[in-house]
């Protein structure tokens, strides 16, 4: 697990190469094995492989999301706010599991924050995604994961550069 955590970096450049169906299935299985509060499974996912739809999704947050246009896969991570009031935590855990699974099978990924972000002054990023993909209430969009074969190499952060000052022993 530490090897996967060391390798996982936010990848924003992808090869023009489709992801094999068996790897897509592995990603699905990983997401569906994600923990959730009281095992209520409040998360839901939309897998988008259509390049035209991905290009539209890439416009959700301007420069912050434009790199998604180069990814062969977008995974929209949602939660059902009627299932549990901790849907954000459930969906966040699932998104991170998805990124770790992607790394473990040789793919790169990057989280694009949607919840509490704007598409434009008149429209939230969440409503933009909801309208584009036909997502009904009570589902809430947390993020989009861009996934693909990396076209950039990012080295692991050296252990000595980790922010150990964030660790407190016994008390703050």
N, C-alpha and C. Protein backbone atom coordinates (compact mmCIF):
# COMPACT_ATOMS: atom_id res chain seq x y z
N UNK A 1 0.83 -1.20 0.00
CA UNK A 1 0.00 0.00 0.00
C UNK A 1 0.87 1.26 0.00
N UNK A 2 1.94 1.27 0.78
CA UNK A 2 2.81 2.45 0.79
C UNK A 2 3.43 2.70 -0.58
N UNK A 3 3.74 1.65 -1.32
CA UNK A 3 4.28 1.84 -2.66
C UNK A 3 3.26 2.56 -3.56
N UNK A 4 2.00 2.17 -3.45
CA UNK A 4 0.95 2.83 -4.24
C UNK A 4 0.81 4.29 -3.81
N UNK A 5 0.82 4.54 -2.50
CA UNK A 5 0.71 5.91 -2.01
C UNK A 5 1.89 6.76 -2.46
N UNK A 6 3.06 6.16 -2.52
CA UNK A 6 4.24 6.90 -2.99
C UNK A 6 4.13 7.24 -4.47
N UNK A 7 3.58 6.34 -5.26
CA UNK A 7 3.45 6.55 -6.71
C UNK A 7 2.32 7.49 -7.07
N UNK A 8 1.26 7.53 -6.26
CA UNK A 8 0.09 8.32 -6.61
C UNK A 8 0.40 9.81 -6.57
N UNK A 9 0.24 10.43 -7.70
CA UNK A 9 0.41 11.88 -7.84
C UNK A 9 -0.73 12.39 -8.71
N UNK A 10 -1.02 13.65 -8.62
CA UNK A 10 -2.07 14.24 -9.46
C UNK A 10 -1.54 14.38 -10.88
N UNK A 11 -2.12 13.61 -11.79
CA UNK A 11 -1.71 13.59 -13.19
C UNK A 11 -2.73 14.38 -14.01
N UNK A 12 -2.22 15.34 -14.77
CA UNK A 12 -3.10 16.20 -15.57
C UNK A 12 -2.84 16.09 -17.08
N UNK A 13 -1.90 15.24 -17.46
CA UNK A 13 -1.61 15.03 -18.88
C UNK A 13 -1.69 13.53 -19.15
N UNK A 14 -2.44 13.18 -20.19
CA UNK A 14 -2.71 11.77 -20.48
C UNK A 14 -2.34 11.41 -21.91
N UNK A 15 -1.92 10.17 -22.08
CA UNK A 15 -1.64 9.64 -23.42
C UNK A 15 -2.96 9.48 -24.17
N UNK A 16 -2.86 9.62 -25.49
CA UNK A 16 -4.03 9.36 -26.34
C UNK A 16 -4.14 7.87 -26.52
N UNK A 17 -4.63 7.22 -25.50
CA UNK A 17 -4.68 5.76 -25.46
C UNK A 17 -5.90 5.35 -24.65
N UNK A 18 -6.76 4.52 -25.20
CA UNK A 18 -7.93 4.08 -24.43
C UNK A 18 -7.53 3.18 -23.27
N UNK A 19 -8.38 3.15 -22.28
CA UNK A 19 -8.18 2.27 -21.14
C UNK A 19 -8.87 0.94 -21.46
N UNK A 20 -8.17 -0.14 -21.25
CA UNK A 20 -8.71 -1.46 -21.56
C UNK A 20 -9.95 -1.75 -20.71
N UNK A 21 -10.95 -2.46 -21.30
CA UNK A 21 -12.18 -2.77 -20.57
C UNK A 21 -11.94 -3.46 -19.23
N UNK A 22 -10.94 -4.34 -19.16
CA UNK A 22 -10.70 -5.04 -17.88
C UNK A 22 -10.21 -4.07 -16.81
N UNK A 23 -9.51 -3.02 -17.21
CA UNK A 23 -9.07 -2.02 -16.23
C UNK A 23 -10.25 -1.15 -15.78
N UNK A 24 -11.16 -0.87 -16.70
CA UNK A 24 -12.39 -0.14 -16.34
C UNK A 24 -13.17 -0.96 -15.32
N UNK A 25 -13.27 -2.27 -15.55
CA UNK A 25 -13.97 -3.15 -14.60
C UNK A 25 -13.27 -3.18 -13.25
N UNK A 26 -11.95 -3.16 -13.25
CA UNK A 26 -11.20 -3.13 -11.99
C UNK A 26 -11.50 -1.84 -11.23
N UNK A 27 -11.56 -0.72 -11.94
CA UNK A 27 -11.91 0.55 -11.30
C UNK A 27 -13.31 0.49 -10.70
N UNK A 28 -14.25 -0.07 -11.44
CA UNK A 28 -15.63 -0.20 -10.93
C UNK A 28 -15.66 -1.04 -9.66
N UNK A 29 -14.97 -2.17 -9.69
CA UNK A 29 -14.95 -3.04 -8.51
C UNK A 29 -14.35 -2.31 -7.31
N UNK A 30 -13.24 -1.62 -7.54
CA UNK A 30 -12.62 -0.88 -6.45
C UNK A 30 -13.56 0.14 -5.84
N UNK A 31 -14.25 0.90 -6.68
CA UNK A 31 -15.20 1.90 -6.17
C UNK A 31 -16.32 1.24 -5.37
N UNK A 32 -16.82 0.12 -5.88
CA UNK A 32 -17.93 -0.55 -5.20
C UNK A 32 -17.51 -1.25 -3.91
N UNK A 33 -16.22 -1.40 -3.69
CA UNK A 33 -15.70 -1.96 -2.44
C UNK A 33 -15.36 -0.86 -1.43
N UNK A 34 -15.63 0.38 -1.78
CA UNK A 34 -15.31 1.49 -0.88
C UNK A 34 -16.17 1.44 0.37
N UNK A 35 -15.58 1.82 1.51
CA UNK A 35 -16.36 1.84 2.74
C UNK A 35 -17.40 2.96 2.71
N UNK A 36 -18.42 2.80 3.54
CA UNK A 36 -19.43 3.84 3.68
C UNK A 36 -20.03 3.74 5.08
N UNK A 37 -20.55 4.85 5.56
CA UNK A 37 -21.15 4.90 6.88
C UNK A 37 -22.30 3.89 6.98
N UNK A 38 -22.25 3.08 8.00
CA UNK A 38 -23.28 2.07 8.26
C UNK A 38 -23.52 1.16 7.07
N UNK A 39 -22.54 1.08 6.17
CA UNK A 39 -22.63 0.27 4.95
C UNK A 39 -23.86 0.64 4.10
N UNK A 40 -24.23 1.92 4.14
CA UNK A 40 -25.42 2.38 3.39
C UNK A 40 -25.13 2.64 1.92
N UNK A 41 -23.84 2.70 1.57
CA UNK A 41 -23.44 2.87 0.17
C UNK A 41 -24.15 4.07 -0.48
N UNK A 42 -23.96 5.24 0.11
CA UNK A 42 -24.63 6.44 -0.40
C UNK A 42 -24.00 6.94 -1.70
N UNK A 43 -22.83 6.39 -2.07
CA UNK A 43 -22.16 6.85 -3.27
C UNK A 43 -22.78 6.25 -4.54
N UNK A 44 -22.58 6.97 -5.63
CA UNK A 44 -22.97 6.53 -6.98
C UNK A 44 -21.92 7.10 -7.92
N UNK A 45 -21.80 6.49 -9.11
CA UNK A 45 -20.74 6.89 -10.03
C UNK A 45 -21.27 6.91 -11.46
N UNK A 46 -20.82 7.88 -12.24
CA UNK A 46 -21.09 7.90 -13.68
C UNK A 46 -19.74 7.80 -14.37
N UNK A 47 -19.55 6.73 -15.15
CA UNK A 47 -18.34 6.55 -15.95
C UNK A 47 -18.60 7.15 -17.33
N UNK A 48 -17.76 8.08 -17.74
CA UNK A 48 -17.93 8.76 -19.02
C UNK A 48 -16.70 8.49 -19.87
N UNK A 49 -16.91 7.84 -21.02
CA UNK A 49 -15.82 7.58 -21.96
C UNK A 49 -16.02 8.31 -23.28
N UNK A 50 -17.20 8.85 -23.52
CA UNK A 50 -17.47 9.57 -24.76
C UNK A 50 -16.63 10.85 -24.80
N UNK A 51 -15.73 10.98 -25.79
CA UNK A 51 -14.83 12.14 -25.83
C UNK A 51 -15.55 13.48 -25.87
N UNK A 52 -16.67 13.54 -26.56
CA UNK A 52 -17.40 14.81 -26.65
C UNK A 52 -17.99 15.20 -25.30
N UNK A 53 -18.51 14.22 -24.57
CA UNK A 53 -19.05 14.50 -23.24
C UNK A 53 -17.93 14.88 -22.28
N UNK A 54 -16.80 14.21 -22.40
CA UNK A 54 -15.65 14.55 -21.55
C UNK A 54 -15.20 15.98 -21.82
N UNK A 55 -15.18 16.40 -23.08
CA UNK A 55 -14.80 17.77 -23.41
C UNK A 55 -15.76 18.78 -22.79
N UNK A 56 -17.03 18.44 -22.75
CA UNK A 56 -18.02 19.33 -22.11
C UNK A 56 -17.81 19.36 -20.60
N UNK A 57 -17.53 18.19 -20.02
CA UNK A 57 -17.24 18.14 -18.59
C UNK A 57 -16.00 18.95 -18.26
N UNK A 58 -15.03 18.96 -19.15
CA UNK A 58 -13.78 19.69 -18.94
C UNK A 58 -14.01 21.20 -18.83
N UNK A 59 -15.15 21.67 -19.27
CA UNK A 59 -15.48 23.10 -19.21
C UNK A 59 -16.12 23.50 -17.89
N UNK A 60 -16.31 22.54 -16.99
CA UNK A 60 -17.07 22.79 -15.77
C UNK A 60 -16.46 23.89 -14.90
N UNK A 61 -15.14 23.98 -14.85
CA UNK A 61 -14.48 24.96 -13.96
C UNK A 61 -13.36 25.71 -14.66
N UNK A 62 -13.48 25.90 -15.96
CA UNK A 62 -12.48 26.67 -16.70
C UNK A 62 -11.11 26.03 -16.64
N UNK A 63 -10.09 26.84 -16.32
CA UNK A 63 -8.71 26.36 -16.31
C UNK A 63 -8.48 25.26 -15.28
N UNK A 64 -9.27 25.26 -14.21
CA UNK A 64 -9.10 24.24 -13.15
C UNK A 64 -9.50 22.84 -13.60
N UNK A 65 -10.29 22.75 -14.66
CA UNK A 65 -10.76 21.44 -15.11
C UNK A 65 -10.45 21.16 -16.58
N UNK A 66 -9.82 22.09 -17.27
CA UNK A 66 -9.63 21.95 -18.72
C UNK A 66 -8.80 20.72 -19.09
N UNK A 67 -7.89 20.29 -18.23
CA UNK A 67 -7.06 19.12 -18.53
C UNK A 67 -7.88 17.85 -18.70
N UNK A 68 -9.09 17.81 -18.16
CA UNK A 68 -9.96 16.64 -18.29
C UNK A 68 -10.21 16.30 -19.76
N UNK A 69 -10.17 17.29 -20.63
CA UNK A 69 -10.43 17.05 -22.06
C UNK A 69 -9.46 16.04 -22.66
N UNK A 70 -8.27 15.90 -22.08
CA UNK A 70 -7.29 14.96 -22.60
C UNK A 70 -7.35 13.58 -21.98
N UNK A 71 -8.26 13.37 -21.05
CA UNK A 71 -8.38 12.06 -20.38
C UNK A 71 -9.36 11.16 -21.13
N UNK A 72 -9.06 9.87 -21.21
CA UNK A 72 -9.99 8.96 -21.87
C UNK A 72 -11.17 8.54 -20.98
N UNK A 73 -11.09 8.86 -19.69
CA UNK A 73 -12.15 8.46 -18.76
C UNK A 73 -12.38 9.55 -17.72
N UNK A 74 -13.64 9.86 -17.49
CA UNK A 74 -14.04 10.73 -16.39
C UNK A 74 -14.98 9.92 -15.51
N UNK A 75 -14.71 9.93 -14.23
CA UNK A 75 -15.60 9.27 -13.27
C UNK A 75 -16.22 10.35 -12.40
N UNK A 76 -17.52 10.52 -12.51
CA UNK A 76 -18.24 11.49 -11.70
C UNK A 76 -18.65 10.77 -10.41
N UNK A 77 -18.21 11.33 -9.30
CA UNK A 77 -18.46 10.72 -7.99
C UNK A 77 -19.54 11.53 -7.28
N UNK A 78 -20.60 10.82 -6.88
CA UNK A 78 -21.76 11.46 -6.28
C UNK A 78 -22.13 10.77 -4.98
N UNK A 79 -23.01 11.43 -4.24
CA UNK A 79 -23.58 10.83 -3.05
C UNK A 79 -25.05 11.17 -2.97
N UNK A 80 -25.80 10.31 -2.30
CA UNK A 80 -27.23 10.53 -2.11
C UNK A 80 -27.42 11.14 -0.72
N UNK A 81 -27.79 12.42 -0.69
CA UNK A 81 -27.91 13.10 0.58
C UNK A 81 -29.13 12.64 1.39
N UNK A 82 -30.05 11.90 0.77
CA UNK A 82 -31.18 11.34 1.52
C UNK A 82 -30.82 10.02 2.19
N UNK A 83 -29.76 9.38 1.72
CA UNK A 83 -29.33 8.10 2.32
C UNK A 83 -28.66 8.33 3.66
N UNK A 84 -27.79 9.37 3.71
CA UNK A 84 -27.08 9.67 4.95
C UNK A 84 -26.56 11.10 4.89
N UNK A 85 -26.42 11.70 6.07
CA UNK A 85 -25.90 13.07 6.12
C UNK A 85 -24.38 13.10 5.99
N UNK A 86 -23.74 11.94 5.88
CA UNK A 86 -22.29 11.89 5.68
C UNK A 86 -21.95 11.40 4.26
N UNK A 87 -22.80 11.73 3.32
CA UNK A 87 -22.56 11.34 1.92
C UNK A 87 -21.24 11.92 1.40
N UNK A 88 -20.85 13.12 1.88
CA UNK A 88 -19.60 13.74 1.43
C UNK A 88 -18.42 12.86 1.83
N UNK A 89 -18.45 12.38 3.06
CA UNK A 89 -17.37 11.52 3.53
C UNK A 89 -17.35 10.20 2.76
N UNK A 90 -18.53 9.61 2.56
CA UNK A 90 -18.63 8.35 1.81
C UNK A 90 -18.07 8.52 0.40
N UNK A 91 -18.51 9.57 -0.28
CA UNK A 91 -18.07 9.81 -1.66
C UNK A 91 -16.58 10.15 -1.71
N UNK A 92 -16.08 10.86 -0.71
CA UNK A 92 -14.65 11.20 -0.67
C UNK A 92 -13.80 9.94 -0.52
N UNK A 93 -14.23 9.05 0.36
CA UNK A 93 -13.51 7.79 0.53
C UNK A 93 -13.49 7.01 -0.79
N UNK A 94 -14.63 6.96 -1.46
CA UNK A 94 -14.71 6.23 -2.72
C UNK A 94 -13.81 6.86 -3.77
N UNK A 95 -13.80 8.19 -3.86
CA UNK A 95 -12.95 8.86 -4.84
C UNK A 95 -11.48 8.54 -4.58
N UNK A 96 -11.08 8.54 -3.33
CA UNK A 96 -9.68 8.24 -3.02
C UNK A 96 -9.36 6.79 -3.33
N UNK A 97 -10.27 5.89 -3.01
CA UNK A 97 -10.08 4.47 -3.36
C UNK A 97 -9.92 4.35 -4.88
N UNK A 98 -10.75 5.08 -5.64
CA UNK A 98 -10.64 5.06 -7.09
C UNK A 98 -9.29 5.52 -7.57
N UNK A 99 -8.75 6.56 -6.96
CA UNK A 99 -7.43 7.04 -7.36
C UNK A 99 -6.34 6.03 -7.02
N UNK A 100 -6.45 5.37 -5.88
CA UNK A 100 -5.45 4.38 -5.49
C UNK A 100 -5.52 3.15 -6.40
N UNK A 101 -6.73 2.72 -6.74
CA UNK A 101 -6.87 1.59 -7.67
C UNK A 101 -6.28 1.97 -9.01
N UNK A 102 -6.56 3.18 -9.49
CA UNK A 102 -6.01 3.62 -10.77
C UNK A 102 -4.49 3.53 -10.75
N UNK A 103 -3.87 4.02 -9.69
CA UNK A 103 -2.41 3.96 -9.57
C UNK A 103 -1.93 2.51 -9.58
N UNK A 104 -2.64 1.65 -8.89
CA UNK A 104 -2.20 0.25 -8.76
C UNK A 104 -2.23 -0.50 -10.09
N UNK A 105 -3.01 -0.01 -11.06
CA UNK A 105 -3.09 -0.68 -12.36
C UNK A 105 -2.43 0.13 -13.48
N UNK A 106 -1.55 1.04 -13.08
CA UNK A 106 -0.74 1.76 -14.06
C UNK A 106 -1.38 3.00 -14.67
N UNK A 107 -2.46 3.48 -14.08
CA UNK A 107 -3.14 4.66 -14.60
C UNK A 107 -2.85 5.86 -13.72
N UNK A 108 -3.00 7.03 -14.28
CA UNK A 108 -2.89 8.26 -13.51
C UNK A 108 -4.28 8.85 -13.33
N UNK A 109 -4.41 9.72 -12.33
CA UNK A 109 -5.71 10.33 -12.07
C UNK A 109 -5.52 11.68 -11.41
N UNK A 110 -6.59 12.46 -11.43
CA UNK A 110 -6.59 13.74 -10.73
C UNK A 110 -8.04 14.08 -10.35
N UNK A 111 -8.19 14.53 -9.13
CA UNK A 111 -9.48 14.94 -8.57
C UNK A 111 -9.81 16.34 -9.05
N UNK A 112 -11.03 16.54 -9.54
CA UNK A 112 -11.54 17.87 -9.89
C UNK A 112 -12.69 18.16 -8.94
N UNK A 113 -12.52 19.13 -8.07
CA UNK A 113 -13.54 19.46 -7.09
C UNK A 113 -14.74 20.08 -7.79
N UNK A 114 -15.93 19.59 -7.46
CA UNK A 114 -17.17 20.12 -8.02
C UNK A 114 -18.03 20.74 -6.92
N UNK A 115 -18.20 20.02 -5.82
CA UNK A 115 -19.03 20.50 -4.72
C UNK A 115 -18.52 21.84 -4.22
N UNK A 116 -19.44 22.78 -4.03
CA UNK A 116 -19.14 24.12 -3.52
C UNK A 116 -18.24 24.94 -4.45
N UNK A 117 -18.26 24.64 -5.74
CA UNK A 117 -17.51 25.42 -6.72
C UNK A 117 -18.48 25.95 -7.79
N UNK A 118 -18.05 26.99 -8.50
CA UNK A 118 -18.89 27.61 -9.52
C UNK A 118 -18.43 27.26 -10.92
N UNK A 119 -19.40 27.12 -11.80
CA UNK A 119 -19.13 27.03 -13.24
C UNK A 119 -19.08 28.45 -13.80
N UNK A 120 -20.04 29.25 -13.37
CA UNK A 120 -20.14 30.65 -13.78
C UNK A 120 -20.83 31.40 -12.64
N UNK A 121 -20.92 32.72 -12.74
CA UNK A 121 -21.62 33.46 -11.67
C UNK A 121 -23.09 33.03 -11.51
N UNK A 122 -23.66 32.51 -12.57
CA UNK A 122 -25.08 32.13 -12.52
C UNK A 122 -25.32 30.65 -12.25
N UNK A 123 -24.29 29.81 -12.38
CA UNK A 123 -24.49 28.37 -12.33
C UNK A 123 -23.39 27.69 -11.54
N UNK A 124 -23.79 26.83 -10.62
CA UNK A 124 -22.79 26.08 -9.85
C UNK A 124 -22.17 25.00 -10.73
N UNK A 125 -20.98 24.59 -10.36
CA UNK A 125 -20.33 23.48 -11.07
C UNK A 125 -21.18 22.22 -10.95
N UNK A 126 -21.75 22.02 -9.78
CA UNK A 126 -22.59 20.84 -9.57
C UNK A 126 -23.79 20.83 -10.51
N UNK A 127 -24.47 21.97 -10.64
CA UNK A 127 -25.63 22.03 -11.53
C UNK A 127 -25.23 21.87 -12.99
N UNK A 128 -24.05 22.38 -13.36
CA UNK A 128 -23.55 22.18 -14.73
C UNK A 128 -23.41 20.69 -15.02
N UNK A 129 -22.77 19.95 -14.11
CA UNK A 129 -22.57 18.50 -14.30
C UNK A 129 -23.93 17.79 -14.25
N UNK A 130 -24.75 18.17 -13.30
CA UNK A 130 -26.08 17.56 -13.15
C UNK A 130 -26.88 17.71 -14.46
N UNK A 131 -26.89 18.90 -15.03
CA UNK A 131 -27.63 19.16 -16.27
C UNK A 131 -27.04 18.38 -17.44
N UNK A 132 -25.72 18.34 -17.54
CA UNK A 132 -25.05 17.67 -18.64
C UNK A 132 -25.31 16.17 -18.64
N UNK A 133 -25.30 15.56 -17.45
CA UNK A 133 -25.42 14.10 -17.35
C UNK A 133 -26.79 13.60 -16.91
N UNK A 134 -27.73 14.50 -16.69
CA UNK A 134 -29.07 14.10 -16.29
C UNK A 134 -29.13 13.49 -14.90
N UNK A 135 -28.37 14.02 -13.99
CA UNK A 135 -28.31 13.49 -12.62
C UNK A 135 -29.49 14.06 -11.83
N UNK A 136 -30.34 13.18 -11.30
CA UNK A 136 -31.52 13.65 -10.57
C UNK A 136 -31.21 13.99 -9.10
N UNK A 137 -32.11 14.75 -8.50
CA UNK A 137 -32.09 14.91 -7.04
C UNK A 137 -32.45 13.55 -6.47
N UNK A 138 -31.99 13.13 -5.36
CA UNK A 138 -31.23 13.82 -4.34
C UNK A 138 -29.72 13.59 -4.45
N UNK A 139 -29.23 13.20 -5.65
CA UNK A 139 -27.80 12.93 -5.80
C UNK A 139 -27.04 14.25 -5.88
N UNK A 140 -25.92 14.29 -5.18
CA UNK A 140 -25.06 15.46 -5.13
C UNK A 140 -23.72 15.09 -5.74
N UNK A 141 -23.17 15.98 -6.54
CA UNK A 141 -21.90 15.72 -7.21
C UNK A 141 -20.76 16.26 -6.34
N UNK A 142 -19.85 15.37 -5.96
CA UNK A 142 -18.70 15.75 -5.15
C UNK A 142 -17.53 16.17 -6.03
N UNK A 143 -17.16 15.30 -6.99
CA UNK A 143 -15.96 15.54 -7.79
C UNK A 143 -16.04 14.74 -9.08
N UNK A 144 -15.07 15.02 -9.94
CA UNK A 144 -14.84 14.23 -11.14
C UNK A 144 -13.41 13.74 -11.05
N UNK A 145 -13.19 12.47 -11.33
CA UNK A 145 -11.84 11.93 -11.43
C UNK A 145 -11.47 11.82 -12.89
N UNK A 146 -10.41 12.49 -13.28
CA UNK A 146 -9.84 12.32 -14.62
C UNK A 146 -8.93 11.10 -14.52
N UNK A 147 -9.04 10.17 -15.48
CA UNK A 147 -8.26 8.93 -15.41
C UNK A 147 -7.71 8.60 -16.80
N UNK A 148 -6.46 8.16 -16.84
CA UNK A 148 -5.85 7.74 -18.10
C UNK A 148 -4.41 7.34 -17.89
N UNK A 149 -3.78 6.93 -18.98
CA UNK A 149 -2.36 6.60 -18.93
C UNK A 149 -1.58 7.90 -18.86
N UNK A 150 -0.69 8.04 -17.88
CA UNK A 150 0.04 9.30 -17.72
C UNK A 150 0.91 9.64 -18.93
N UNK A 151 0.88 10.93 -19.30
CA UNK A 151 1.79 11.46 -20.31
C UNK A 151 2.76 12.43 -19.65
N UNK A 152 2.89 12.32 -18.36
CA UNK A 152 3.86 13.08 -17.59
C UNK A 152 4.33 12.19 -16.45
N UNK A 153 5.55 12.44 -16.03
CA UNK A 153 6.11 11.65 -14.93
C UNK A 153 6.34 12.56 -13.74
N UNK A 154 5.79 12.18 -12.63
CA UNK A 154 6.02 12.92 -11.39
C UNK A 154 6.64 11.94 -10.40
N UNK A 155 7.76 12.31 -9.90
CA UNK A 155 8.46 11.45 -8.96
C UNK A 155 7.77 11.49 -7.61
N UNK A 156 7.88 10.40 -6.84
CA UNK A 156 7.33 10.43 -5.49
C UNK A 156 7.98 11.53 -4.64
N UNK A 157 7.22 12.07 -3.73
CA UNK A 157 7.77 13.05 -2.81
C UNK A 157 8.69 12.31 -1.85
N UNK A 158 9.94 12.75 -1.72
CA UNK A 158 10.85 12.05 -0.81
C UNK A 158 10.33 12.05 0.63
N UNK A 159 10.57 10.96 1.31
CA UNK A 159 10.08 10.81 2.68
C UNK A 159 10.53 11.97 3.57
N UNK A 160 11.75 12.43 3.39
CA UNK A 160 12.26 13.52 4.19
C UNK A 160 11.56 14.86 3.95
N UNK A 161 10.79 14.96 2.85
CA UNK A 161 10.07 16.20 2.55
C UNK A 161 8.61 16.16 3.00
N UNK A 162 8.20 15.05 3.60
CA UNK A 162 6.82 14.96 4.10
C UNK A 162 6.65 15.90 5.29
N UNK A 163 5.47 16.48 5.45
CA UNK A 163 5.26 17.47 6.51
C UNK A 163 5.02 16.82 7.88
N UNK A 164 6.07 16.26 8.42
CA UNK A 164 5.94 15.58 9.72
C UNK A 164 5.48 16.52 10.83
N UNK A 165 5.58 17.84 10.63
CA UNK A 165 5.08 18.78 11.62
C UNK A 165 3.55 18.73 11.75
N UNK A 166 2.90 18.01 10.86
CA UNK A 166 1.44 17.84 10.93
C UNK A 166 1.05 16.68 11.85
N UNK A 167 2.03 15.92 12.31
CA UNK A 167 1.79 14.80 13.22
C UNK A 167 2.03 15.28 14.65
N UNK A 168 1.06 15.04 15.52
CA UNK A 168 1.17 15.43 16.93
C UNK A 168 1.06 14.17 17.78
N UNK A 169 1.87 14.08 18.80
CA UNK A 169 1.90 12.91 19.66
C UNK A 169 1.25 13.23 21.00
N UNK A 170 0.28 12.43 21.35
CA UNK A 170 -0.42 12.49 22.63
C UNK A 170 -1.34 13.69 22.76
N UNK A 171 -0.89 14.88 22.39
CA UNK A 171 -1.78 16.05 22.39
C UNK A 171 -1.22 17.07 21.40
N UNK A 172 -2.02 18.04 21.06
CA UNK A 172 -1.62 19.02 20.08
C UNK A 172 -0.50 19.87 20.64
